[in-house]
Amino acid sequence: MDFRNQERTKYNGLGALESLHNEFVNKEMRVGEIEDRGHSGRNFVFFDPDGNKFDVWSELSPIFKEKFLINQ
């Protein structure tokens, strides 16, 4: 959860993010456009049936990788 009480999910790869986004669009889910917010990767938001907002990222940030010792 982030400071706005939104769940955050990181997808490793733009192709995987685009595939998931297309899947959600095809299922007629409430989903935002893929965006560039000026940091590592791209992202989009979607909402579950209860209206909870989720933020999906295409890449793990370098800070996240370093903090959790994830090899690049």
Protein backbone atom coordinates (compact mmCIF):
# COMPACT_ATOMS: atom_id res chain seq x y z
CA MET A 1 0.00 0.00 0.00
CA ASP A 2 1.22 3.50 -0.68
CA PHE A 3 0.59 6.67 1.30
CA ARG A 4 -2.77 7.14 -0.46
CA ASN A 5 -3.85 3.67 0.70
CA GLN A 6 -3.56 2.33 -2.87
CA GLU A 7 -2.16 -1.11 -3.59
CA ARG A 8 0.98 -1.05 -5.76
CA THR A 9 2.09 -3.85 -8.06
CA LYS A 10 5.28 -3.88 -10.14
CA TYR A 11 5.43 -5.81 -13.41
CA ASN A 12 8.93 -6.53 -14.71
CA GLY A 13 8.80 -5.61 -18.39
CA LEU A 14 6.88 -3.29 -20.66
CA GLY A 15 5.61 -6.20 -22.77
CA ALA A 16 4.11 -7.87 -19.69
CA LEU A 17 2.51 -4.59 -18.63
CA GLU A 18 1.00 -4.03 -22.10
CA SER A 19 -0.28 -7.61 -22.19
CA LEU A 20 -1.95 -7.26 -18.79
CA HIS A 21 -3.41 -3.88 -19.77
CA ASN A 22 -4.88 -5.36 -22.99
CA GLU A 23 -6.32 -8.28 -21.03
CA PHE A 24 -8.06 -5.91 -18.62
CA VAL A 25 -9.38 -3.75 -21.48
CA ASN A 26 -10.72 -6.86 -23.26
CA LYS A 27 -12.49 -7.88 -20.03
CA GLU A 28 -14.06 -4.40 -19.97
CA MET A 29 -12.52 -3.60 -16.61
CA ARG A 30 -12.21 -0.01 -15.45
CA VAL A 31 -8.60 0.73 -16.44
CA GLY A 32 -6.53 3.84 -17.13
CA GLU A 33 -4.15 4.46 -20.01
CA ILE A 34 -0.51 3.37 -19.87
CA GLU A 35 1.43 6.40 -18.64
CA ASP A 36 4.98 7.70 -18.30
CA ARG A 37 5.16 9.41 -14.92
CA GLY A 38 8.83 10.32 -15.22
CA HIS A 39 10.36 7.39 -13.32
CA SER A 40 11.48 3.86 -14.15
CA GLY A 41 9.09 2.12 -16.49
CA ARG A 42 5.48 2.80 -17.40
CA ASN A 43 2.35 2.21 -15.41
CA PHE A 44 -1.44 2.22 -15.39
CA VAL A 45 -4.18 2.06 -12.81
CA PHE A 46 -7.20 -0.22 -12.64
CA PHE A 47 -10.11 -0.71 -10.27
CA ASP A 48 -11.55 -3.91 -8.84
CA PRO A 49 -15.33 -4.47 -8.66
CA ASP A 50 -15.41 -2.84 -5.20
CA GLY A 51 -13.79 0.33 -6.52
CA ASN A 52 -10.33 -0.27 -4.99
CA LYS A 53 -7.62 1.37 -7.08
CA PHE A 54 -4.45 -0.53 -8.06
CA ASP A 55 -1.30 0.87 -9.69
CA VAL A 56 0.68 -1.51 -11.96
CA TRP A 57 4.29 -0.71 -12.97
CA SER A 58 6.31 -2.19 -15.85
CA GLU A 59 9.67 -2.22 -14.09
CA LEU A 60 11.18 -2.50 -10.68
CA SER A 61 12.84 0.77 -9.74
CA PRO A 62 16.60 0.71 -9.08
CA ILE A 63 15.93 1.79 -5.47
CA PHE A 64 13.48 -1.11 -4.97
CA LYS A 65 15.97 -3.59 -6.48
CA GLU A 66 18.77 -2.31 -4.25
CA LYS A 67 16.63 -2.29 -1.12
CA PHE A 68 15.44 -5.86 -1.61
CA LEU A 69 18.72 -7.14 -3.14
CA ILE A 70 17.17 -8.15 -6.45
CA ASN A 71 19.78 -8.94 -9.11
CA GLN A 72 19.39 -7.05 -12.34
